[in-house]
Amino acid sequence: MSYNFPVYLERHGMTSVDLIASCWTSAGAAAPCTDDERSPVSIRERVEAVSAAGFAGFGIQHMDLAVVRDSIGYGEFRKILDGNGISIVEVEFLEDWFTDGPERVESDASRAELLRAAEVLGARVLKTGGKFHRDEFDAERLAPHFAKLAEDASNAGTMVGIEPAPFREIQTPQQAMAVIELADHLAGGLYIDIWHTERLDVDFAYIRSIPGNRIVGVEIDDADAEIRGSLLDDTVNNRRFPGEGIFDIPEFVSAVKSTGYSGPWAVELISAEVRSMSVREATRRAFSTTRTFVD
């Protein structure tokens, strides 16, 4: 099964200003890179809050998907999404897809489950990236693995997006694009988050040069000028709502739109501040602050 993103947009009636609440935006007191990343908030409450805030899309990570699978099942989850007007779903996060040994065995099990969930839920993107403990970057080593992952995603009716991050093996959009272009599969592309591009001082001119059909997703958030702790500490604890930090969000949005990207926009709020809020308050603020920029 081949995958055509513009056709997907037309089929699902999506517009360039549909907004997605990325998984951590509605996860309540849960945080990434902890022993237990599961949200303490019920999946129904999260979906209802995201819908009430105005979002068209809902993001969910693998540990919460396992809770859904083992409690109500993916089919019932899809009914909850439909009942709340949520038409867009994204799933994450696949690790170690280009490794071998025990890590690869575990990764392949996660891969199968994430793709099964994506197929049942009609997810538009499965997010992935490089390893936290980086080997030397080698696009030619990674590309065949990514091509196979993109083919698996296509067979499940979805796409896979590489999200580069400064603390991972695939650090920059340039490195991600090197892998994507070598793999050369319609269902594989770039998932770009302003936090990572700003912290790496990625030139907006480079973003403008990326072919829009290679971008499968975009995330907006904000941050302070000062980096507190490591980059990983800062990204997990100190993100800000759009417009409440120092990122040049208007220029980032302009650069992405200039590529011809016409998909939805996500907001990913990961911070101690957000974790202290009710899900209703966090999603409401996330929607209102992000909408200002993408409109």
C-alpha atoms as a PDB file:
ATOM      1  CA  MET A   1       0.000   0.000   0.000  1.00  0.00           C
ATOM      2  CA  SER A   2       1.534   3.329  -1.018  1.00  0.00           C
ATOM      3  CA  TYR A   3       0.989   6.430   1.075  1.00  0.00           C
ATOM      4  CA  ASN A   4       0.167   9.869  -0.306  1.00  0.00           C
ATOM      5  CA  PHE A   5      -0.007  12.628   2.279  1.00  0.00           C
ATOM      6  CA  PRO A   6      -1.924  15.233   0.167  1.00  0.00           C
ATOM      7  CA  VAL A   7      -4.538  12.586  -0.665  1.00  0.00           C
ATOM      8  CA  TYR A   8      -4.796  11.766   3.051  1.00  0.00           C
ATOM      9  CA  LEU A   9      -5.451  15.442   3.785  1.00  0.00           C
ATOM     10  CA  GLU A  10      -8.158  15.670   1.165  1.00  0.00           C
ATOM     11  CA  ARG A  11      -9.779  12.403   2.256  1.00  0.00           C
ATOM     12  CA  HIS A  12      -9.970  13.491   5.887  1.00  0.00           C
ATOM     13  CA  GLY A  13     -10.971  17.085   5.246  1.00  0.00           C
ATOM     14  CA  MET A  14      -7.991  18.491   7.146  1.00  0.00           C
ATOM     15  CA  THR A  15      -6.756  22.070   6.883  1.00  0.00           C
ATOM     16  CA  SER A  16      -3.424  23.730   7.548  1.00  0.00           C
ATOM     17  CA  VAL A  17      -4.650  25.162  10.856  1.00  0.00           C
ATOM     18  CA  ASP A  18      -5.939  21.977  12.488  1.00  0.00           C
ATOM     19  CA  LEU A  19      -4.197  21.666  15.849  1.00  0.00           C
ATOM     20  CA  ILE A  20      -3.025  18.528  17.642  1.00  0.00           C
ATOM     21  CA  ALA A  21      -2.452  18.210  21.380  1.00  0.00           C
ATOM     22  CA  SER A  22       0.764  16.182  21.473  1.00  0.00           C
ATOM     23  CA  CYS A  23       0.824  13.407  24.038  1.00  0.00           C
ATOM     24  CA  TRP A  24       2.429  15.284  26.957  1.00  0.00           C
ATOM     25  CA  THR A  25       0.128  18.277  26.557  1.00  0.00           C
ATOM     26  CA  SER A  26      -2.792  16.265  27.943  1.00  0.00           C
ATOM     27  CA  ALA A  27      -0.878  13.786  30.125  1.00  0.00           C
ATOM     28  CA  GLY A  28      -1.301  15.631  33.415  1.00  0.00           C
ATOM     29  CA  ALA A  29       1.362  14.853  36.013  1.00  0.00           C
ATOM     30  CA  ALA A  30       3.199  12.328  33.808  1.00  0.00           C
ATOM     31  CA  ALA A  31       6.667  13.089  32.444  1.00  0.00           C
ATOM     32  CA  PRO A  32       8.964  11.514  29.854  1.00  0.00           C
ATOM     33  CA  CYS A  33      12.239   9.821  30.790  1.00  0.00           C
ATOM     34  CA  THR A  34      10.845   8.549  34.096  1.00  0.00           C
ATOM     35  CA  ASP A  35      10.329   4.998  35.360  1.00  0.00           C
ATOM     36  CA  ASP A  36       6.574   5.256  34.777  1.00  0.00           C
ATOM     37  CA  GLU A  37       5.501   7.565  31.958  1.00  0.00           C
ATOM     38  CA  ARG A  38       1.816   6.617  32.125  1.00  0.00           C
ATOM     39  CA  SER A  39      -0.676   9.442  32.516  1.00  0.00           C
ATOM     40  CA  PRO A  40      -2.651   9.372  35.788  1.00  0.00           C
ATOM     41  CA  VAL A  41      -5.624  10.887  33.924  1.00  0.00           C
ATOM     42  CA  SER A  42      -8.185   8.598  32.293  1.00  0.00           C
ATOM     43  CA  ILE A  43      -8.104   8.460  28.529  1.00  0.00           C
ATOM     44  CA  ARG A  44     -11.729   9.634  28.303  1.00  0.00           C
ATOM     45  CA  GLU A  45     -11.005  12.678  30.475  1.00  0.00           C
ATOM     46  CA  ARG A  46      -7.972  13.536  28.359  1.00  0.00           C
ATOM     47  CA  VAL A  47      -9.874  13.270  25.085  1.00  0.00           C
ATOM     48  CA  GLU A  48     -12.757  15.342  26.432  1.00  0.00           C
ATOM     49  CA  ALA A  49     -10.370  18.061  27.629  1.00  0.00           C
ATOM     50  CA  VAL A  50      -8.521  18.161  24.294  1.00  0.00           C
ATOM     51  CA  SER A  51     -11.814  18.376  22.411  1.00  0.00           C
ATOM     52  CA  ALA A  52     -13.249  21.064  24.703  1.00  0.00           C
ATOM     53  CA  ALA A  53     -10.127  23.176  24.213  1.00  0.00           C
ATOM     54  CA  GLY A  54     -10.680  23.144  20.438  1.00  0.00           C
ATOM     55  CA  PHE A  55      -8.105  20.645  19.198  1.00  0.00           C
ATOM     56  CA  ALA A  56      -8.820  18.420  16.202  1.00  0.00           C
ATOM     57  CA  GLY A  57      -6.012  15.994  17.034  1.00  0.00           C
ATOM     58  CA  PHE A  58      -4.800  13.847  19.913  1.00  0.00           C
ATOM     59  CA  GLY A  59      -1.302  12.457  20.518  1.00  0.00           C
ATOM     60  CA  ILE A  60      -0.631   9.399  22.662  1.00  0.00           C
ATOM     61  CA  GLN A  61       2.575   7.613  23.676  1.00  0.00           C
ATOM     62  CA  HIS A  62       3.286   3.907  23.844  1.00  0.00           C
ATOM     63  CA  MET A  63       2.831   3.352  27.597  1.00  0.00           C
ATOM     64  CA  ASP A  64      -0.591   4.993  27.548  1.00  0.00           C
ATOM     65  CA  LEU A  65      -1.505   2.975  24.469  1.00  0.00           C
ATOM     66  CA  ALA A  66      -0.756  -0.184  26.456  1.00  0.00           C
ATOM     67  CA  VAL A  67      -3.158   0.994  29.168  1.00  0.00           C
ATOM     68  CA  VAL A  68      -5.845   1.645  26.553  1.00  0.00           C
ATOM     69  CA  ARG A  69      -5.259  -1.725  24.868  1.00  0.00           C
ATOM     70  CA  ASP A  70      -5.505  -3.653  28.130  1.00  0.00           C
ATOM     71  CA  SER A  71      -8.515  -1.762  29.495  1.00  0.00           C
ATOM     72  CA  ILE A  72     -11.008  -0.620  26.859  1.00  0.00           C
ATOM     73  CA  GLY A  73      -9.237  -1.669  23.644  1.00  0.00           C
ATOM     74  CA  TYR A  74      -8.268   0.396  20.611  1.00  0.00           C
ATOM     75  CA  GLY A  75     -11.690   0.078  18.993  1.00  0.00           C
ATOM     76  CA  GLU A  76     -13.468   1.619  21.971  1.00  0.00           C
ATOM     77  CA  PHE A  77     -10.796   4.320  22.151  1.00  0.00           C
ATOM     78  CA  ARG A  78     -11.512   5.201  18.521  1.00  0.00           C
ATOM     79  CA  LYS A  79     -15.208   5.529  19.408  1.00  0.00           C
ATOM     80  CA  ILE A  80     -14.331   7.935  22.240  1.00  0.00           C
ATOM     81  CA  LEU A  81     -12.236  10.009  19.838  1.00  0.00           C
ATOM     82  CA  ASP A  82     -15.032  10.059  17.253  1.00  0.00           C
ATOM     83  CA  GLY A  83     -17.603  10.979  19.869  1.00  0.00           C
ATOM     84  CA  ASN A  84     -15.527  14.010  20.807  1.00  0.00           C
ATOM     85  CA  GLY A  85     -14.823  15.165  17.256  1.00  0.00           C
ATOM     86  CA  ILE A  86     -11.137  14.141  17.293  1.00  0.00           C
ATOM     87  CA  SER A  87     -10.284  13.239  13.707  1.00  0.00           C
ATOM     88  CA  ILE A  88      -6.465  13.204  13.894  1.00  0.00           C
ATOM     89  CA  VAL A  89      -4.326  10.809  15.928  1.00  0.00           C
ATOM     90  CA  GLU A  90      -0.557  10.560  16.334  1.00  0.00           C
ATOM     91  CA  VAL A  91       1.307   7.777  18.163  1.00  0.00           C
ATOM     92  CA  GLU A  92       4.811   7.725  19.608  1.00  0.00           C
ATOM     93  CA  PHE A  93       7.673   6.958  20.336  1.00  0.00           C
ATOM     94  CA  LEU A  94       9.618   4.162  18.645  1.00  0.00           C
ATOM     95  CA  GLU A  95      13.163   3.676  19.932  1.00  0.00           C
ATOM     96  CA  ASP A  96      16.097   1.570  18.652  1.00  0.00           C
ATOM     97  CA  TRP A  97      14.660   0.739  15.212  1.00  0.00           C
ATOM     98  CA  PHE A  98      18.160   0.570  13.682  1.00  0.00           C
ATOM     99  CA  THR A  99      19.945  -1.398  16.425  1.00  0.00           C
ATOM    100  CA  ASP A 100      20.506  -5.125  16.900  1.00  0.00           C
ATOM    101  CA  GLY A 101      20.590  -7.593  19.772  1.00  0.00           C
ATOM    102  CA  PRO A 102      18.171  -7.390  22.738  1.00  0.00           C
ATOM    103  CA  GLU A 103      17.432  -3.706  22.079  1.00  0.00           C
ATOM    104  CA  ARG A 104      16.186  -4.542  18.593  1.00  0.00           C
ATOM    105  CA  VAL A 105      14.029  -7.405  19.861  1.00  0.00           C
ATOM    106  CA  GLU A 106      12.321  -5.021  22.274  1.00  0.00           C
ATOM    107  CA  SER A 107      12.073  -2.337  19.588  1.00  0.00           C
ATOM    108  CA  ASP A 108      10.461  -4.730  17.111  1.00  0.00           C
ATOM    109  CA  ALA A 109       7.820  -5.691  19.675  1.00  0.00           C
ATOM    110  CA  SER A 110       7.069  -1.990  20.279  1.00  0.00           C
ATOM    111  CA  ARG A 111       7.046  -1.366  16.549  1.00  0.00           C
ATOM    112  CA  ALA A 112       4.449  -4.068  15.937  1.00  0.00           C
ATOM    113  CA  GLU A 113       2.212  -2.739  18.711  1.00  0.00           C
ATOM    114  CA  LEU A 114       2.526   0.905  17.676  1.00  0.00           C
ATOM    115  CA  LEU A 115       1.723   0.050  14.065  1.00  0.00           C
ATOM    116  CA  ARG A 116      -1.240  -2.084  15.125  1.00  0.00           C
ATOM    117  CA  ALA A 117      -2.559   0.814  17.193  1.00  0.00           C
ATOM    118  CA  ALA A 118      -1.924   3.225  14.322  1.00  0.00           C
ATOM    119  CA  GLU A 119      -3.874   1.035  11.925  1.00  0.00           C
ATOM    120  CA  VAL A 120      -6.903   0.616  14.196  1.00  0.00           C
ATOM    121  CA  LEU A 121      -6.936   4.272  15.250  1.00  0.00           C
ATOM    122  CA  GLY A 122      -6.235   5.654  11.781  1.00  0.00           C
ATOM    123  CA  ALA A 123      -3.158   7.469  13.062  1.00  0.00           C
ATOM    124  CA  ARG A 124      -1.508   9.872  10.636  1.00  0.00           C
ATOM    125  CA  VAL A 125       2.051   9.608  12.022  1.00  0.00           C
ATOM    126  CA  LEU A 126       4.246   7.371  14.146  1.00  0.00           C
ATOM    127  CA  LYS A 127       7.049   9.433  15.684  1.00  0.00           C
ATOM    128  CA  THR A 128      10.584   8.146  16.074  1.00  0.00           C
ATOM    129  CA  GLY A 129      14.155   9.405  16.405  1.00  0.00           C
ATOM    130  CA  GLY A 130      17.723   8.434  17.214  1.00  0.00           C
ATOM    131  CA  LYS A 131      19.175   6.809  20.305  1.00  0.00           C
ATOM    132  CA  PHE A 132      19.740   8.809  23.491  1.00  0.00           C
ATOM    133  CA  HIS A 133      23.228   7.393  23.942  1.00  0.00           C
ATOM    134  CA  ARG A 134      24.520   8.274  20.524  1.00  0.00           C
ATOM    135  CA  ASP A 135      26.810   6.362  18.232  1.00  0.00           C
ATOM    136  CA  GLU A 136      28.535   8.379  15.533  1.00  0.00           C
ATOM    137  CA  PHE A 137      25.915   9.551  13.053  1.00  0.00           C
ATOM    138  CA  ASP A 138      25.955   7.617   9.787  1.00  0.00           C
ATOM    139  CA  ALA A 139      23.074   8.313   7.395  1.00  0.00           C
ATOM    140  CA  GLU A 140      23.992   5.413   5.118  1.00  0.00           C
ATOM    141  CA  ARG A 141      23.808   2.993   8.045  1.00  0.00           C
ATOM    142  CA  LEU A 142      20.413   4.279   9.169  1.00  0.00           C
ATOM    143  CA  ALA A 143      18.687   4.770   5.800  1.00  0.00           C
ATOM    144  CA  PRO A 144      17.892   1.120   4.939  1.00  0.00           C
ATOM    145  CA  HIS A 145      16.376   0.613   8.387  1.00  0.00           C
ATOM    146  CA  PHE A 146      14.274   3.745   7.966  1.00  0.00           C
ATOM    147  CA  ALA A 147      13.120   2.679   4.502  1.00  0.00           C
ATOM    148  CA  LYS A 148      11.882  -0.625   5.951  1.00  0.00           C
ATOM    149  CA  LEU A 149      10.177   1.187   8.841  1.00  0.00           C
ATOM    150  CA  ALA A 150       8.475   3.548   6.373  1.00  0.00           C
ATOM    151  CA  GLU A 151       7.285   0.577   4.336  1.00  0.00           C
ATOM    152  CA  ASP A 152       5.850  -1.046   7.465  1.00  0.00           C
ATOM    153  CA  ALA A 153       4.138   2.245   8.313  1.00  0.00           C
ATOM    154  CA  SER A 154       2.695   2.494   4.809  1.00  0.00           C
ATOM    155  CA  ASN A 155       1.294  -1.032   5.091  1.00  0.00           C
ATOM    156  CA  ALA A 156      -0.445   0.062   8.308  1.00  0.00           C
ATOM    157  CA  GLY A 157      -1.911   3.115   6.576  1.00  0.00           C
ATOM    158  CA  THR A 158       0.271   5.664   8.354  1.00  0.00           C
ATOM    159  CA  MET A 159       3.573   7.533   8.057  1.00  0.00           C
ATOM    160  CA  VAL A 160       6.705   7.607  10.180  1.00  0.00           C
ATOM    161  CA  GLY A 161       8.439  10.858  11.125  1.00  0.00           C
ATOM    162  CA  ILE A 162      11.981  11.314  12.407  1.00  0.00           C
ATOM    163  CA  GLU A 163      12.088  13.916  15.164  1.00  0.00           C
ATOM    164  CA  PRO A 164      15.693  15.116  15.519  1.00  0.00           C
ATOM    165  CA  ALA A 165      16.833  16.242  18.972  1.00  0.00           C
ATOM    166  CA  PRO A 166      20.170  17.591  20.241  1.00  0.00           C
ATOM    167  CA  PHE A 167      20.531  14.794  22.811  1.00  0.00           C
ATOM    168  CA  ARG A 168      19.862  11.976  20.319  1.00  0.00           C
ATOM    169  CA  GLU A 169      21.927  10.296  17.628  1.00  0.00           C
ATOM    170  CA  ILE A 170      19.964  12.123  14.918  1.00  0.00           C
ATOM    171  CA  GLN A 171      20.484  15.623  16.262  1.00  0.00           C
ATOM    172  CA  THR A 172      19.570  18.078  13.525  1.00  0.00           C
ATOM    173  CA  PRO A 173      16.997  18.452  10.752  1.00  0.00           C
ATOM    174  CA  GLN A 174      19.919  18.257   8.321  1.00  0.00           C
ATOM    175  CA  GLN A 175      20.891  14.821   9.650  1.00  0.00           C
ATOM    176  CA  ALA A 176      17.297  13.619   9.642  1.00  0.00           C
ATOM    177  CA  MET A 177      16.854  14.772   6.061  1.00  0.00           C
ATOM    178  CA  ALA A 178      20.014  12.922   5.013  1.00  0.00           C
ATOM    179  CA  VAL A 179      18.451   9.682   6.269  1.00  0.00           C
ATOM    180  CA  ILE A 180      15.036  10.489   4.798  1.00  0.00           C
ATOM    181  CA  GLU A 181      16.405  11.332   1.357  1.00  0.00           C
ATOM    182  CA  LEU A 182      18.557   8.201   1.206  1.00  0.00           C
ATOM    183  CA  ALA A 183      15.615   6.043   2.305  1.00  0.00           C
ATOM    184  CA  ASP A 184      13.408   7.805  -0.273  1.00  0.00           C
ATOM    185  CA  HIS A 185      10.022   6.440   0.809  1.00  0.00           C
ATOM    186  CA  LEU A 186       6.758   8.393   0.549  1.00  0.00           C
ATOM    187  CA  ALA A 187       5.684   7.280   4.019  1.00  0.00           C
ATOM    188  CA  GLY A 188       8.875   8.502   5.728  1.00  0.00           C
ATOM    189  CA  GLY A 189       9.551  12.139   6.557  1.00  0.00           C
ATOM    190  CA  LEU A 190      10.651  14.796   9.015  1.00  0.00           C
ATOM    191  CA  TYR A 191       8.839  15.696  12.223  1.00  0.00           C
ATOM    192  CA  ILE A 192      10.187  19.075  13.278  1.00  0.00           C
ATOM    193  CA  ASP A 193       9.842  20.631  16.747  1.00  0.00           C
ATOM    194  CA  ILE A 194      10.723  24.290  17.250  1.00  0.00           C
ATOM    195  CA  TRP A 195      12.287  23.526  20.651  1.00  0.00           C
ATOM    196  CA  HIS A 196      14.979  21.369  19.114  1.00  0.00           C
ATOM    197  CA  THR A 197      15.662  23.673  16.169  1.00  0.00           C
ATOM    198  CA  GLU A 198      15.927  26.775  18.367  1.00  0.00           C
ATOM    199  CA  ARG A 199      18.201  25.124  20.942  1.00  0.00           C
ATOM    200  CA  LEU A 200      20.486  24.055  18.075  1.00  0.00           C
ATOM    201  CA  ASP A 201      20.330  27.482  16.365  1.00  0.00           C
ATOM    202  CA  VAL A 202      19.120  25.913  13.118  1.00  0.00           C
ATOM    203  CA  ASP A 203      18.992  28.582  10.431  1.00  0.00           C
ATOM    204  CA  PHE A 204      15.447  29.387   9.264  1.00  0.00           C
ATOM    205  CA  ALA A 205      16.846  29.521   5.745  1.00  0.00           C
ATOM    206  CA  TYR A 206      17.557  25.808   5.992  1.00  0.00           C
ATOM    207  CA  ILE A 207      14.008  25.092   7.135  1.00  0.00           C
ATOM    208  CA  ARG A 208      12.709  27.039   4.123  1.00  0.00           C
ATOM    209  CA  SER A 209      14.801  24.804   1.849  1.00  0.00           C
ATOM    210  CA  ILE A 210      13.158  21.561   3.017  1.00  0.00           C
ATOM    211  CA  PRO A 211      10.648  20.168   0.497  1.00  0.00           C
ATOM    212  CA  GLY A 212       7.205  20.482   2.055  1.00  0.00           C
ATOM    213  CA  ASN A 213       6.280  16.937   1.021  1.00  0.00           C
ATOM    214  CA  ARG A 214       9.125  15.660   3.226  1.00  0.00           C
ATOM    215  CA  ILE A 215       7.645  17.233   6.384  1.00  0.00           C
ATOM    216  CA  VAL A 216       5.088  14.980   8.081  1.00  0.00           C
ATOM    217  CA  GLY A 217       4.575  16.963  11.276  1.00  0.00           C
ATOM    218  CA  VAL A 218       5.415  20.165  13.134  1.00  0.00           C
ATOM    219  CA  GLU A 219       5.386  21.006  16.848  1.00  0.00           C
ATOM    220  CA  ILE A 220       5.289  24.419  18.489  1.00  0.00           C
ATOM    221  CA  ASP A 221       6.239  25.368  22.039  1.00  0.00           C
ATOM    222  CA  ASP A 222       8.470  27.961  23.679  1.00  0.00           C
ATOM    223  CA  ALA A 223      11.257  28.319  26.247  1.00  0.00           C
ATOM    224  CA  ASP A 224      13.318  30.750  28.286  1.00  0.00           C
ATOM    225  CA  ALA A 225      16.648  32.087  27.092  1.00  0.00           C
ATOM    226  CA  GLU A 226      18.477  30.312  29.908  1.00  0.00           C
ATOM    227  CA  ILE A 227      18.989  26.551  29.643  1.00  0.00           C
ATOM    228  CA  ARG A 228      18.592  25.035  33.105  1.00  0.00           C
ATOM    229  CA  GLY A 229      20.481  21.820  33.699  1.00  0.00           C
ATOM    230  CA  SER A 230      21.199  19.620  30.693  1.00  0.00           C
ATOM    231  CA  LEU A 231      19.316  20.042  27.424  1.00  0.00           C
ATOM    232  CA  LEU A 232      17.327  16.933  28.337  1.00  0.00           C
ATOM    233  CA  ASP A 233      16.471  18.394  31.769  1.00  0.00           C
ATOM    234  CA  ASP A 234      15.444  21.650  30.163  1.00  0.00           C
ATOM    235  CA  THR A 235      13.204  20.085  27.520  1.00  0.00           C
ATOM    236  CA  VAL A 236      11.445  17.861  30.084  1.00  0.00           C
ATOM    237  CA  ASN A 237      10.906  20.495  32.779  1.00  0.00           C
ATOM    238  CA  ASN A 238      10.985  24.014  31.385  1.00  0.00           C
ATOM    239  CA  ARG A 239       9.049  24.387  28.145  1.00  0.00           C
ATOM    240  CA  ARG A 240       6.704  27.361  27.922  1.00  0.00           C
ATOM    241  CA  PHE A 241       3.394  28.012  26.247  1.00  0.00           C
ATOM    242  CA  PRO A 242       3.852  29.604  22.813  1.00  0.00           C
ATOM    243  CA  GLY A 243       4.495  33.329  23.148  1.00  0.00           C
ATOM    244  CA  GLU A 244       5.667  33.081  26.766  1.00  0.00           C
ATOM    245  CA  GLY A 245       9.354  32.529  25.958  1.00  0.00           C
ATOM    246  CA  ILE A 246      12.006  33.805  23.563  1.00  0.00           C
ATOM    247  CA  PHE A 247      11.596  31.554  20.503  1.00  0.00           C
ATOM    248  CA  ASP A 248      10.940  33.328  17.202  1.00  0.00           C
ATOM    249  CA  ILE A 249       7.714  31.441  16.562  1.00  0.00           C
ATOM    250  CA  PRO A 250       6.398  33.732  13.779  1.00  0.00           C
ATOM    251  CA  GLU A 251       9.570  33.233  11.752  1.00  0.00           C
ATOM    252  CA  PHE A 252       9.521  29.474  12.387  1.00  0.00           C
ATOM    253  CA  VAL A 253       5.886  29.233  11.260  1.00  0.00           C
ATOM    254  CA  SER A 254       6.641  31.362   8.212  1.00  0.00           C
ATOM    255  CA  ALA A 255       9.622  29.177   7.314  1.00  0.00           C
ATOM    256  CA  VAL A 256       7.620  25.959   7.600  1.00  0.00           C
ATOM    257  CA  LYS A 257       4.683  27.332   5.622  1.00  0.00           C
ATOM    258  CA  SER A 258       7.025  28.527   2.885  1.00  0.00           C
ATOM    259  CA  THR A 259       7.993  24.890   2.216  1.00  0.00           C
ATOM    260  CA  GLY A 260       4.439  24.122   1.151  1.00  0.00           C
ATOM    261  CA  TYR A 261       3.670  22.036   4.232  1.00  0.00           C
ATOM    262  CA  SER A 262      -0.108  21.835   4.529  1.00  0.00           C
ATOM    263  CA  GLY A 263      -0.666  19.426   7.408  1.00  0.00           C
ATOM    264  CA  PRO A 264      -1.835  20.013  10.983  1.00  0.00           C
ATOM    265  CA  TRP A 265       0.248  21.719  13.654  1.00  0.00           C
ATOM    266  CA  ALA A 266       0.894  20.212  17.072  1.00  0.00           C
ATOM    267  CA  VAL A 267       1.732  21.786  20.406  1.00  0.00           C
ATOM    268  CA  GLU A 268       3.994  19.829  22.760  1.00  0.00           C
ATOM    269  CA  LEU A 269       4.062  21.190  26.302  1.00  0.00           C
ATOM    270  CA  ILE A 270       6.461  19.308  28.579  1.00  0.00           C
ATOM    271  CA  SER A 271       7.136  21.160  31.808  1.00  0.00           C
ATOM    272  CA  ALA A 272       6.762  21.120  35.553  1.00  0.00           C
ATOM    273  CA  GLU A 273       4.327  24.023  35.173  1.00  0.00           C
ATOM    274  CA  VAL A 274       2.036  22.048  32.872  1.00  0.00           C
ATOM    275  CA  ARG A 275       2.235  18.981  35.096  1.00  0.00           C
ATOM    276  CA  SER A 276       0.934  21.079  38.003  1.00  0.00           C
ATOM    277  CA  MET A 277      -2.177  22.155  36.058  1.00  0.00           C
ATOM    278  CA  SER A 278      -5.441  20.382  35.474  1.00  0.00           C
ATOM    279  CA  VAL A 279      -5.652  18.843  32.020  1.00  0.00           C
ATOM    280  CA  ARG A 280      -8.521  21.202  31.179  1.00  0.00           C
ATOM    281  CA  GLU A 281      -6.440  24.261  31.997  1.00  0.00           C
ATOM    282  CA  ALA A 282      -3.298  23.007  30.272  1.00  0.00           C
ATOM    283  CA  THR A 283      -5.051  22.099  27.023  1.00  0.00           C
ATOM    284  CA  ARG A 284      -7.083  25.316  26.973  1.00  0.00           C
ATOM    285  CA  ARG A 285      -3.960  27.458  27.300  1.00  0.00           C
ATOM    286  CA  ALA A 286      -2.040  25.324  24.831  1.00  0.00           C
ATOM    287  CA  PHE A 287      -4.727  25.742  22.201  1.00  0.00           C
ATOM    288  CA  SER A 288      -5.257  29.479  22.629  1.00  0.00           C
ATOM    289  CA  THR A 289      -1.556  30.361  22.643  1.00  0.00           C
ATOM    290  CA  THR A 290      -0.727  28.160  19.641  1.00  0.00           C
ATOM    291  CA  ARG A 291      -3.700  29.257  17.548  1.00  0.00           C
ATOM    292  CA  THR A 292      -2.429  32.834  17.667  1.00  0.00           C
ATOM    293  CA  PHE A 293       0.688  31.856  15.721  1.00  0.00           C
ATOM    294  CA  VAL A 294      -0.555  29.334  13.185  1.00  0.00           C
ATOM    295  CA  ASP A 295      -3.455  31.554  12.093  1.00  0.00           C
END
